[in-house]
Amino acid sequence: MNKREFAVGAGTLAVLTLAGCATGLENRSMYGIIGKMIAQDGKRQDLIDVLIAGTANMPGCKSYVISKDASDENALWITEYWDSKESHAASLTLDSVKEAIERGRPMIAGFGERFEVEPVGGHGLA
């Protein structure tokens, strides 16, 4: 096999692999939010703990991921995917979420960017 044949074969394999991993959601209208939260100095891990504990078992939530910002020791990125915008709104009425908001509020210094998105497919959204 020469370099050209290898490159074509590898490219085809990559496309087929990605197609196999993707989950098409074109017929479903989902809702997503990607937002940056800034913790008070030295409180990022405490805030993460509160958010993780308070956001388990939310009906309609497909994914709720909290990530540490690699370039800011106080920043978090929260990525949420919901089956609908209504499910997200309803989550704010849950006792566990209300409690997490109340416990977390003093640890929050502010917010950064916030994006509302419409997920259309990908691994992990099935």
N, C-alpha and C. Protein backbone atom coordinates (compact mmCIF):
# COMPACT_ATOMS: atom_id res chain seq x y z
N MET A 1 0.85 -1.17 0.00
CA MET A 1 0.00 0.00 0.00
C MET A 1 0.90 1.23 0.00
N ASN A 2 0.64 2.15 -0.94
CA ASN A 2 1.44 3.37 -0.98
C ASN A 2 0.81 4.44 -0.07
N LYS A 3 1.49 5.60 0.04
CA LYS A 3 1.04 6.67 0.93
C LYS A 3 -0.35 7.17 0.55
N ARG A 4 -0.59 7.33 -0.75
CA ARG A 4 -1.89 7.85 -1.22
C ARG A 4 -3.01 6.88 -0.85
N GLU A 5 -2.82 5.60 -1.08
CA GLU A 5 -3.84 4.60 -0.74
C GLU A 5 -4.09 4.58 0.77
N PHE A 6 -3.01 4.71 1.54
CA PHE A 6 -3.16 4.74 2.99
C PHE A 6 -3.96 5.96 3.43
N ALA A 7 -3.64 7.13 2.89
CA ALA A 7 -4.34 8.36 3.26
C ALA A 7 -5.82 8.29 2.91
N VAL A 8 -6.14 7.79 1.73
CA VAL A 8 -7.54 7.67 1.33
C VAL A 8 -8.27 6.69 2.25
N GLY A 9 -7.64 5.56 2.53
CA GLY A 9 -8.24 4.56 3.41
C GLY A 9 -8.44 5.09 4.81
N ALA A 10 -7.45 5.80 5.35
CA ALA A 10 -7.55 6.35 6.69
C ALA A 10 -8.65 7.40 6.76
N GLY A 11 -8.75 8.22 5.71
CA GLY A 11 -9.80 9.24 5.67
C GLY A 11 -11.18 8.62 5.63
N THR A 12 -11.34 7.58 4.84
CA THR A 12 -12.63 6.89 4.76
C THR A 12 -12.98 6.26 6.10
N LEU A 13 -12.01 5.64 6.75
CA LEU A 13 -12.24 5.03 8.06
C LEU A 13 -12.66 6.09 9.07
N ALA A 14 -12.02 7.24 9.06
CA ALA A 14 -12.36 8.31 10.00
C ALA A 14 -13.80 8.77 9.80
N VAL A 15 -14.21 8.94 8.54
CA VAL A 15 -15.58 9.37 8.26
C VAL A 15 -16.58 8.32 8.72
N LEU A 16 -16.31 7.06 8.43
CA LEU A 16 -17.21 5.99 8.85
C LEU A 16 -17.28 5.87 10.36
N THR A 17 -16.16 6.05 11.04
CA THR A 17 -16.13 5.98 12.50
C THR A 17 -16.95 7.11 13.09
N LEU A 18 -16.76 8.32 12.59
CA LEU A 18 -17.53 9.46 13.09
C LEU A 18 -19.01 9.27 12.82
N ALA A 19 -19.36 8.77 11.66
CA ALA A 19 -20.77 8.54 11.34
C ALA A 19 -21.37 7.50 12.27
N GLY A 20 -20.61 6.50 12.63
CA GLY A 20 -21.09 5.47 13.54
C GLY A 20 -21.27 5.97 14.95
N CYS A 21 -20.49 6.96 15.37
CA CYS A 21 -20.59 7.50 16.72
C CYS A 21 -21.67 8.57 16.83
N ALA A 22 -21.97 9.23 15.74
CA ALA A 22 -22.92 10.34 15.79
C ALA A 22 -24.34 9.82 15.98
N THR A 23 -25.08 10.54 16.78
CA THR A 23 -26.48 10.23 16.98
C THR A 23 -27.27 11.38 16.40
N GLY A 24 -28.01 11.14 15.35
CA GLY A 24 -28.78 12.21 14.71
C GLY A 24 -29.99 12.58 15.55
N LEU A 25 -30.15 13.87 15.80
CA LEU A 25 -31.27 14.36 16.58
C LEU A 25 -32.11 15.34 15.77
N GLU A 26 -32.00 15.24 14.45
CA GLU A 26 -32.64 16.21 13.59
C GLU A 26 -34.14 16.30 13.79
N ASN A 27 -34.79 15.21 14.20
CA ASN A 27 -36.24 15.21 14.34
C ASN A 27 -36.69 15.58 15.74
N ARG A 28 -35.76 15.85 16.62
CA ARG A 28 -36.09 16.25 17.98
C ARG A 28 -35.53 17.64 18.22
N SER A 29 -36.28 18.48 18.87
CA SER A 29 -35.81 19.81 19.19
C SER A 29 -35.34 19.83 20.63
N MET A 30 -34.04 19.77 20.81
CA MET A 30 -33.47 19.79 22.15
C MET A 30 -33.04 21.21 22.50
N TYR A 31 -32.62 21.42 23.72
CA TYR A 31 -32.22 22.73 24.22
C TYR A 31 -30.91 22.56 24.98
N GLY A 32 -30.01 23.51 24.80
CA GLY A 32 -28.74 23.46 25.50
C GLY A 32 -28.28 24.82 25.96
N ILE A 33 -27.48 24.80 26.98
CA ILE A 33 -26.85 26.02 27.50
C ILE A 33 -25.39 25.70 27.78
N ILE A 34 -24.52 26.60 27.35
CA ILE A 34 -23.10 26.53 27.67
C ILE A 34 -22.77 27.85 28.35
N GLY A 35 -22.34 27.79 29.59
CA GLY A 35 -22.11 29.03 30.32
C GLY A 35 -20.89 28.98 31.21
N LYS A 36 -20.33 30.15 31.42
CA LYS A 36 -19.15 30.30 32.26
C LYS A 36 -19.58 30.89 33.60
N MET A 37 -19.10 30.28 34.68
CA MET A 37 -19.38 30.74 36.03
C MET A 37 -18.03 31.00 36.70
N ILE A 38 -17.95 32.10 37.42
CA ILE A 38 -16.70 32.47 38.11
C ILE A 38 -16.93 32.30 39.62
N ALA A 39 -16.12 31.47 40.23
CA ALA A 39 -16.21 31.25 41.67
C ALA A 39 -15.41 32.30 42.42
N GLN A 40 -15.79 32.53 43.67
CA GLN A 40 -14.98 33.37 44.55
C GLN A 40 -13.60 32.72 44.67
N ASP A 41 -12.58 33.55 44.94
CA ASP A 41 -11.22 33.02 45.08
C ASP A 41 -11.19 31.83 46.04
N GLY A 42 -10.60 30.73 45.56
CA GLY A 42 -10.42 29.55 46.38
C GLY A 42 -11.69 28.73 46.62
N LYS A 43 -12.79 29.06 45.99
CA LYS A 43 -14.06 28.37 46.23
C LYS A 43 -14.53 27.52 45.06
N ARG A 44 -13.71 27.39 44.01
CA ARG A 44 -14.16 26.68 42.82
C ARG A 44 -14.55 25.22 43.14
N GLN A 45 -13.71 24.49 43.84
CA GLN A 45 -14.04 23.08 44.12
C GLN A 45 -15.27 22.96 44.99
N ASP A 46 -15.42 23.85 45.97
CA ASP A 46 -16.63 23.83 46.81
C ASP A 46 -17.87 24.07 45.96
N LEU A 47 -17.79 25.00 45.04
CA LEU A 47 -18.92 25.29 44.15
C LEU A 47 -19.21 24.10 43.24
N ILE A 48 -18.17 23.47 42.73
CA ILE A 48 -18.36 22.27 41.90
C ILE A 48 -19.10 21.20 42.70
N ASP A 49 -18.69 20.98 43.94
CA ASP A 49 -19.33 19.97 44.78
C ASP A 49 -20.81 20.27 44.98
N VAL A 50 -21.16 21.52 45.22
CA VAL A 50 -22.55 21.92 45.40
C VAL A 50 -23.35 21.69 44.12
N LEU A 51 -22.77 22.08 42.99
CA LEU A 51 -23.47 21.93 41.71
C LEU A 51 -23.69 20.46 41.36
N ILE A 52 -22.69 19.64 41.58
CA ILE A 52 -22.83 18.21 41.26
C ILE A 52 -23.90 17.57 42.14
N ALA A 53 -23.87 17.86 43.44
CA ALA A 53 -24.84 17.27 44.35
C ALA A 53 -26.26 17.75 44.07
N GLY A 54 -26.41 18.99 43.69
CA GLY A 54 -27.74 19.57 43.53
C GLY A 54 -28.37 19.38 42.17
N THR A 55 -27.64 18.81 41.24
CA THR A 55 -28.18 18.71 39.89
C THR A 55 -28.35 17.28 39.41
N ALA A 56 -28.30 16.34 40.31
CA ALA A 56 -28.55 14.94 39.94
C ALA A 56 -30.05 14.73 39.78
N ASN A 57 -30.43 13.79 38.95
CA ASN A 57 -31.83 13.38 38.80
C ASN A 57 -32.77 14.52 38.41
N MET A 58 -32.42 15.25 37.37
CA MET A 58 -33.30 16.30 36.86
C MET A 58 -34.04 15.76 35.64
N PRO A 59 -35.36 15.62 35.73
CA PRO A 59 -36.12 15.08 34.60
C PRO A 59 -35.90 15.90 33.32
N GLY A 60 -35.65 15.19 32.23
CA GLY A 60 -35.45 15.84 30.94
C GLY A 60 -34.01 16.24 30.66
N CYS A 61 -33.14 16.11 31.67
CA CYS A 61 -31.74 16.48 31.48
C CYS A 61 -31.00 15.33 30.82
N LYS A 62 -30.43 15.59 29.65
CA LYS A 62 -29.68 14.58 28.91
C LYS A 62 -28.22 14.57 29.34
N SER A 63 -27.71 15.75 29.71
CA SER A 63 -26.31 15.87 30.09
C SER A 63 -26.12 17.16 30.87
N TYR A 64 -25.38 17.09 31.97
CA TYR A 64 -25.03 18.26 32.77
C TYR A 64 -23.58 18.07 33.17
N VAL A 65 -22.70 18.81 32.52
CA VAL A 65 -21.27 18.62 32.72
C VAL A 65 -20.65 19.92 33.25
N ILE A 66 -19.89 19.79 34.31
CA ILE A 66 -19.17 20.91 34.90
C ILE A 66 -17.70 20.69 34.61
N SER A 67 -17.06 21.69 34.03
CA SER A 67 -15.64 21.59 33.67
C SER A 67 -14.86 22.74 34.27
N LYS A 68 -13.65 22.45 34.71
CA LYS A 68 -12.75 23.50 35.19
C LYS A 68 -12.14 24.20 33.99
N ASP A 69 -12.11 25.51 34.02
CA ASP A 69 -11.43 26.29 32.99
C ASP A 69 -9.93 26.13 33.22
N ALA A 70 -9.22 25.69 32.20
CA ALA A 70 -7.79 25.41 32.34
C ALA A 70 -6.95 26.68 32.46
N SER A 71 -7.50 27.82 32.06
CA SER A 71 -6.70 29.05 32.09
C SER A 71 -7.11 30.02 33.20
N ASP A 72 -8.11 29.67 33.99
CA ASP A 72 -8.58 30.54 35.07
C ASP A 72 -8.94 29.66 36.26
N GLU A 73 -8.19 29.79 37.33
CA GLU A 73 -8.36 28.89 38.48
C GLU A 73 -9.69 29.08 39.21
N ASN A 74 -10.44 30.12 38.88
CA ASN A 74 -11.73 30.34 39.53
C ASN A 74 -12.92 30.07 38.61
N ALA A 75 -12.67 29.80 37.34
CA ALA A 75 -13.76 29.68 36.37
C ALA A 75 -14.19 28.24 36.13
N LEU A 76 -15.48 28.09 35.84
CA LEU A 76 -16.10 26.82 35.47
C LEU A 76 -16.86 27.02 34.17
N TRP A 77 -16.99 25.96 33.42
CA TRP A 77 -17.88 25.93 32.25
C TRP A 77 -18.92 24.88 32.54
N ILE A 78 -20.18 25.25 32.38
CA ILE A 78 -21.27 24.32 32.59
C ILE A 78 -21.97 24.11 31.25
N THR A 79 -22.04 22.85 30.85
CA THR A 79 -22.67 22.49 29.59
C THR A 79 -23.87 21.61 29.90
N GLU A 80 -25.06 22.08 29.52
CA GLU A 80 -26.31 21.38 29.81
C GLU A 80 -27.03 21.06 28.51
N TYR A 81 -27.56 19.85 28.42
CA TYR A 81 -28.40 19.47 27.29
C TYR A 81 -29.69 18.89 27.83
N TRP A 82 -30.81 19.40 27.32
CA TRP A 82 -32.14 19.06 27.80
C TRP A 82 -33.01 18.57 26.65
N ASP A 83 -34.01 17.78 26.98
CA ASP A 83 -34.93 17.33 25.94
C ASP A 83 -35.81 18.48 25.43
N SER A 84 -35.93 19.56 26.23
CA SER A 84 -36.69 20.73 25.80
C SER A 84 -36.35 21.92 26.70
N LYS A 85 -36.68 23.10 26.22
CA LYS A 85 -36.48 24.31 27.00
C LYS A 85 -37.39 24.28 28.24
N GLU A 86 -38.56 23.69 28.09
CA GLU A 86 -39.51 23.59 29.19
C GLU A 86 -38.96 22.71 30.33
N SER A 87 -38.28 21.63 29.98
CA SER A 87 -37.68 20.77 31.01
C SER A 87 -36.62 21.54 31.80
N HIS A 88 -35.84 22.36 31.07
CA HIS A 88 -34.84 23.17 31.77
C HIS A 88 -35.52 24.12 32.74
N ALA A 89 -36.57 24.81 32.29
CA ALA A 89 -37.28 25.76 33.16
C ALA A 89 -37.87 25.03 34.36
N ALA A 90 -38.43 23.86 34.15
CA ALA A 90 -39.03 23.08 35.25
C ALA A 90 -37.98 22.66 36.27
N SER A 91 -36.75 22.44 35.83
CA SER A 91 -35.69 22.01 36.75
C SER A 91 -35.44 23.07 37.82
N LEU A 92 -35.67 24.32 37.49
CA LEU A 92 -35.42 25.40 38.44
C LEU A 92 -36.42 25.41 39.59
N THR A 93 -37.47 24.60 39.48
CA THR A 93 -38.46 24.51 40.56
C THR A 93 -38.20 23.32 41.48
N LEU A 94 -37.24 22.48 41.13
CA LEU A 94 -36.92 21.31 41.96
C LEU A 94 -36.26 21.74 43.27
N ASP A 95 -36.63 21.10 44.36
CA ASP A 95 -36.05 21.45 45.67
C ASP A 95 -34.53 21.31 45.66
N SER A 96 -34.02 20.24 45.03
CA SER A 96 -32.57 20.02 45.03
C SER A 96 -31.84 21.14 44.28
N VAL A 97 -32.44 21.63 43.21
CA VAL A 97 -31.82 22.71 42.43
C VAL A 97 -31.92 24.03 43.20
N LYS A 98 -33.07 24.29 43.80
CA LYS A 98 -33.22 25.51 44.60
C LYS A 98 -32.20 25.54 45.74
N GLU A 99 -32.02 24.39 46.38
CA GLU A 99 -31.05 24.30 47.48
C GLU A 99 -29.63 24.53 46.98
N ALA A 100 -29.29 23.96 45.82
CA ALA A 100 -27.95 24.16 45.25
C ALA A 100 -27.72 25.62 44.92
N ILE A 101 -28.74 26.28 44.39
CA ILE A 101 -28.62 27.72 44.08
C ILE A 101 -28.38 28.51 45.36
N GLU A 102 -29.15 28.20 46.39
CA GLU A 102 -29.01 28.91 47.66
C GLU A 102 -27.62 28.67 48.28
N ARG A 103 -27.17 27.41 48.28
CA ARG A 103 -25.86 27.09 48.86
C ARG A 103 -24.71 27.64 48.02
N GLY A 104 -24.87 27.63 46.71
CA GLY A 104 -23.80 28.06 45.82
C GLY A 104 -23.67 29.56 45.65
N ARG A 105 -24.77 30.28 45.78
CA ARG A 105 -24.77 31.74 45.52
C ARG A 105 -23.62 32.49 46.20
N PRO A 106 -23.33 32.26 47.49
CA PRO A 106 -22.24 33.01 48.12
C PRO A 106 -20.85 32.69 47.56
N MET A 107 -20.74 31.56 46.86
CA MET A 107 -19.45 31.15 46.30
C MET A 107 -19.23 31.68 44.88
N ILE A 108 -20.24 32.33 44.32
CA ILE A 108 -20.17 32.81 42.93
C ILE A 108 -19.75 34.26 42.90
N ALA A 109 -18.67 34.54 42.17
CA ALA A 109 -18.20 35.91 42.00
C ALA A 109 -18.86 36.58 40.80
N GLY A 110 -19.28 35.78 39.82
CA GLY A 110 -19.91 36.35 38.64
C GLY A 110 -20.08 35.32 37.55
N PHE A 111 -20.47 35.82 36.40
CA PHE A 111 -20.72 34.96 35.25
C PHE A 111 -20.02 35.54 34.03
N GLY A 112 -19.67 34.66 33.11
CA GLY A 112 -19.06 35.08 31.86
C GLY A 112 -20.03 34.82 30.72
N GLU A 113 -19.50 34.32 29.64
CA GLU A 113 -20.30 34.07 28.46
C GLU A 113 -21.40 33.05 28.75
N ARG A 114 -22.50 33.20 28.00
CA ARG A 114 -23.62 32.25 28.09
C ARG A 114 -24.20 32.10 26.70
N PHE A 115 -24.31 30.86 26.28
CA PHE A 115 -24.81 30.58 24.94
C PHE A 115 -25.96 29.60 25.02
N GLU A 116 -27.07 29.91 24.37
CA GLU A 116 -28.15 28.95 24.22
C GLU A 116 -27.96 28.27 22.87
N VAL A 117 -28.06 26.94 22.86
CA VAL A 117 -27.79 26.18 21.66
C VAL A 117 -28.90 25.16 21.43
N GLU A 118 -28.97 24.65 20.21
CA GLU A 118 -29.89 23.58 19.87
C GLU A 118 -29.08 22.38 19.41
N PRO A 119 -28.89 21.40 20.31
CA PRO A 119 -28.11 20.21 19.94
C PRO A 119 -28.76 19.49 18.76
N VAL A 120 -27.92 19.04 17.83
CA VAL A 120 -28.42 18.35 16.64
C VAL A 120 -27.86 16.94 16.49
N GLY A 121 -26.88 16.57 17.29
CA GLY A 121 -26.35 15.21 17.21
C GLY A 121 -25.00 15.11 17.85
N GLY A 122 -24.57 13.88 18.00
CA GLY A 122 -23.26 13.64 18.57
C GLY A 122 -23.31 12.50 19.57
N HIS A 123 -22.17 12.08 19.98
CA HIS A 123 -22.03 10.98 20.94
C HIS A 123 -22.49 11.43 22.31
N GLY A 124 -23.27 10.62 22.98
CA GLY A 124 -23.68 10.91 24.35
C GLY A 124 -25.01 11.60 24.49
N LEU A 125 -25.70 11.87 23.40
CA LEU A 125 -26.98 12.55 23.48
C LEU A 125 -28.17 11.65 23.20
N ALA A 126 -27.93 10.37 23.02
CA ALA A 126 -29.03 9.46 22.67
C ALA A 126 -30.01 9.34 23.80
